[in-house]
C-alpha atoms as a PDB file:
ATOM      1  CA  MET A   1       1.042  19.732 -23.995  1.00  0.00           C
ATOM      2  CA  GLU A   2      -1.148  21.716 -21.558  1.00  0.00           C
ATOM      3  CA  ALA A   3      -4.253  20.085 -20.124  1.00  0.00           C
ATOM      4  CA  LYS A   4      -7.530  21.628 -21.252  1.00  0.00           C
ATOM      5  CA  THR A   5      -9.719  23.165 -18.552  1.00  0.00           C
ATOM      6  CA  ILE A   6     -12.015  20.647 -16.894  1.00  0.00           C
ATOM      7  CA  LYS A   7     -15.203  21.309 -14.884  1.00  0.00           C
ATOM      8  CA  VAL A   8     -17.943  19.397 -13.149  1.00  0.00           C
ATOM      9  CA  GLY A   9     -20.468  18.077 -15.679  1.00  0.00           C
ATOM     10  CA  ASP A  10     -17.908  17.650 -18.498  1.00  0.00           C
ATOM     11  CA  ILE A  11     -17.969  14.366 -20.418  1.00  0.00           C
ATOM     12  CA  ILE A  12     -14.551  12.791 -20.800  1.00  0.00           C
ATOM     13  CA  TYR A  13     -13.144   9.339 -21.620  1.00  0.00           C
ATOM     14  CA  ILE A  14     -11.462   6.868 -19.270  1.00  0.00           C
ATOM     15  CA  ASP A  15      -9.726   3.605 -20.185  1.00  0.00           C
ATOM     16  CA  THR A  16     -10.674   0.058 -19.216  1.00  0.00           C
ATOM     17  CA  GLU A  17      -9.388  -1.057 -15.824  1.00  0.00           C
ATOM     18  CA  LEU A  18      -9.075  -4.792 -15.044  1.00  0.00           C
ATOM     19  CA  TYR A  19      -7.642  -6.021 -11.744  1.00  0.00           C
ATOM     20  CA  VAL A  20      -6.121  -9.347 -10.781  1.00  0.00           C
ATOM     21  CA  SER A  21      -6.565  -8.989  -7.018  1.00  0.00           C
ATOM     22  CA  HIS A  22      -9.802  -7.016  -6.860  1.00  0.00           C
ATOM     23  CA  GLY A  23     -11.891  -7.951  -9.873  1.00  0.00           C
ATOM     24  CA  VAL A  24     -15.022  -6.525  -8.239  1.00  0.00           C
ATOM     25  CA  ASP A  25     -13.669  -3.102  -9.307  1.00  0.00           C
ATOM     26  CA  ASP A  26     -13.251  -4.040 -13.015  1.00  0.00           C
ATOM     27  CA  MET A  27     -14.746  -1.550 -15.463  1.00  0.00           C
ATOM     28  CA  ILE A  28     -14.900  -1.101 -19.191  1.00  0.00           C
ATOM     29  CA  GLY A  29     -13.752   2.309 -20.443  1.00  0.00           C
ATOM     30  CA  GLY A  30     -15.658   4.903 -22.390  1.00  0.00           C
ATOM     31  CA  LYS A  31     -17.456   8.154 -21.717  1.00  0.00           C
ATOM     32  CA  VAL A  32     -18.045   9.343 -18.147  1.00  0.00           C
ATOM     33  CA  ARG A  33     -19.361  12.508 -16.521  1.00  0.00           C
ATOM     34  CA  VAL A  34     -17.036  14.487 -14.156  1.00  0.00           C
ATOM     35  CA  VAL A  35     -18.548  14.984 -10.698  1.00  0.00           C
ATOM     36  CA  LYS A  36     -15.595  16.516  -8.815  1.00  0.00           C
ATOM     37  CA  VAL A  37     -12.553  18.653  -9.714  1.00  0.00           C
ATOM     38  CA  GLY A  38      -9.889  19.473  -7.159  1.00  0.00           C
ATOM     39  CA  GLU A  39      -6.333  20.725  -6.965  1.00  0.00           C
ATOM     40  CA  ASP A  40      -3.651  19.314  -4.665  1.00  0.00           C
ATOM     41  CA  CYS A  41      -0.926  21.286  -2.868  1.00  0.00           C
ATOM     42  CA  ASN A  42       1.401  20.777  -5.876  1.00  0.00           C
ATOM     43  CA  GLY A  43      -1.057  22.286  -8.352  1.00  0.00           C
ATOM     44  CA  ARG A  44      -2.103  18.990  -9.901  1.00  0.00           C
ATOM     45  CA  ILE A  45      -5.769  18.693 -10.934  1.00  0.00           C
ATOM     46  CA  TRP A  46      -7.591  15.555  -9.815  1.00  0.00           C
ATOM     47  CA  ILE A  47     -11.039  14.539 -11.050  1.00  0.00           C
ATOM     48  CA  SER A  48     -13.682  12.010  -9.997  1.00  0.00           C
ATOM     49  CA  THR A  49     -16.443  10.602 -12.191  1.00  0.00           C
ATOM     50  CA  GLU A  50     -19.985   9.450 -11.599  1.00  0.00           C
ATOM     51  CA  LEU A  51     -19.003   5.859 -12.420  1.00  0.00           C
ATOM     52  CA  ASP A  52     -16.794   5.622  -9.349  1.00  0.00           C
ATOM     53  CA  PRO A  53     -16.757   8.868  -7.317  1.00  0.00           C
ATOM     54  CA  ALA A  54     -14.123   7.424  -4.939  1.00  0.00           C
ATOM     55  CA  ALA A  55     -11.561   6.988  -7.746  1.00  0.00           C
ATOM     56  CA  GLN A  56      -9.397   9.961  -8.652  1.00  0.00           C
ATOM     57  CA  TYR A  57      -7.688  10.604 -11.954  1.00  0.00           C
ATOM     58  CA  ASN A  58      -4.788  12.952 -12.640  1.00  0.00           C
ATOM     59  CA  TRP A  59      -6.350  15.281 -15.209  1.00  0.00           C
ATOM     60  CA  GLU A  60      -3.011  16.398 -16.745  1.00  0.00           C
ATOM     61  CA  MET A  61      -2.195  12.803 -17.630  1.00  0.00           C
ATOM     62  CA  LEU A  62      -5.701  11.754 -18.619  1.00  0.00           C
ATOM     63  CA  SER A  63      -6.293  14.811 -20.767  1.00  0.00           C
ATOM     64  CA  GLN A  64      -3.376  13.766 -22.983  1.00  0.00           C
ATOM     65  CA  GLU A  65      -5.146  10.461 -23.657  1.00  0.00           C
ATOM     66  CA  GLN A  66      -8.533  11.908 -24.658  1.00  0.00           C
ATOM     67  CA  ALA A  67      -8.083  11.783 -28.421  1.00  0.00           C
ATOM     68  CA  LYS A  68      -6.865   8.184 -28.320  1.00  0.00           C
ATOM     69  CA  LEU A  69      -9.634   7.110 -25.941  1.00  0.00           C
ATOM     70  CA  GLU A  70     -12.300   8.831 -28.041  1.00  0.00           C
ATOM     71  CA  GLN A  71     -11.109   6.929 -31.080  1.00  0.00           C
ATOM     72  CA  LYS A  72     -11.061   3.680 -29.115  1.00  0.00           C
ATOM     73  CA  PHE A  73     -14.478   3.981 -27.423  1.00  0.00           C
ATOM     74  CA  GLN A  74     -16.282   6.400 -29.744  1.00  0.00           C
ATOM     75  CA  ASP A  75     -19.868   6.903 -28.400  1.00  0.00           C
ATOM     76  CA  ASN A  76     -19.748   4.094 -25.805  1.00  0.00           C
ATOM     77  CA  TRP A  77     -20.203   4.911 -22.147  1.00  0.00           C
ATOM     78  CA  ALA A  78     -17.962   3.354 -19.448  1.00  0.00           C
ATOM     79  CA  TYR A  79     -19.589   0.833 -17.157  1.00  0.00           C
ATOM     80  CA  ASN A  80     -18.769  -1.404 -14.213  1.00  0.00           C
ATOM     81  CA  ARG A  81     -18.124  -5.026 -15.057  1.00  0.00           C
ATOM     82  CA  PRO A  82     -17.238  -6.691 -11.785  1.00  0.00           C
ATOM     83  CA  ASP A  83     -15.536 -10.092 -11.876  1.00  0.00           C
ATOM     84  CA  CYS A  84     -16.562 -11.808  -8.624  1.00  0.00           C
ATOM     85  CA  LYS A  85     -14.583 -14.995  -9.025  1.00  0.00           C
ATOM     86  CA  PRO A  86     -12.644 -15.659  -5.792  1.00  0.00           C
ATOM     87  CA  GLU A  87      -9.330 -16.084  -7.632  1.00  0.00           C
ATOM     88  CA  PHE A  88      -9.623 -12.471  -8.859  1.00  0.00           C
ATOM     89  CA  ASN A  89     -10.544 -10.997  -5.495  1.00  0.00           C
ATOM     90  CA  ASP A  90      -7.790 -12.248  -3.165  1.00  0.00           C
ATOM     91  CA  TRP A  91      -6.588  -8.979  -1.624  1.00  0.00           C
ATOM     92  CA  SER A  92      -4.090 -10.723   0.620  1.00  0.00           C
ATOM     93  CA  SER A  93      -0.383 -10.749  -0.115  1.00  0.00           C
ATOM     94  CA  GLU A  94       0.016 -14.491   0.447  1.00  0.00           C
END
């Protein structure tokens, strides 16, 4: 399945992301606005969103999940939900 064309300003869906070692980055999925679209040297399209502009998503993969994520989140917007408990923010490998 070919990825649909994506541009800055488009509203898409992302899934929930919960982390064991960096809970401060936890977020609940839903709608987000695209703020950056770029292409790497292999022709892959990467996007960033206004929720976390530093995070990049492979658009070819994410585009294939849009129908499922729309059904899951419907009209809900994604949001940050940091978990600041020390046991979920130990970035060391000990």
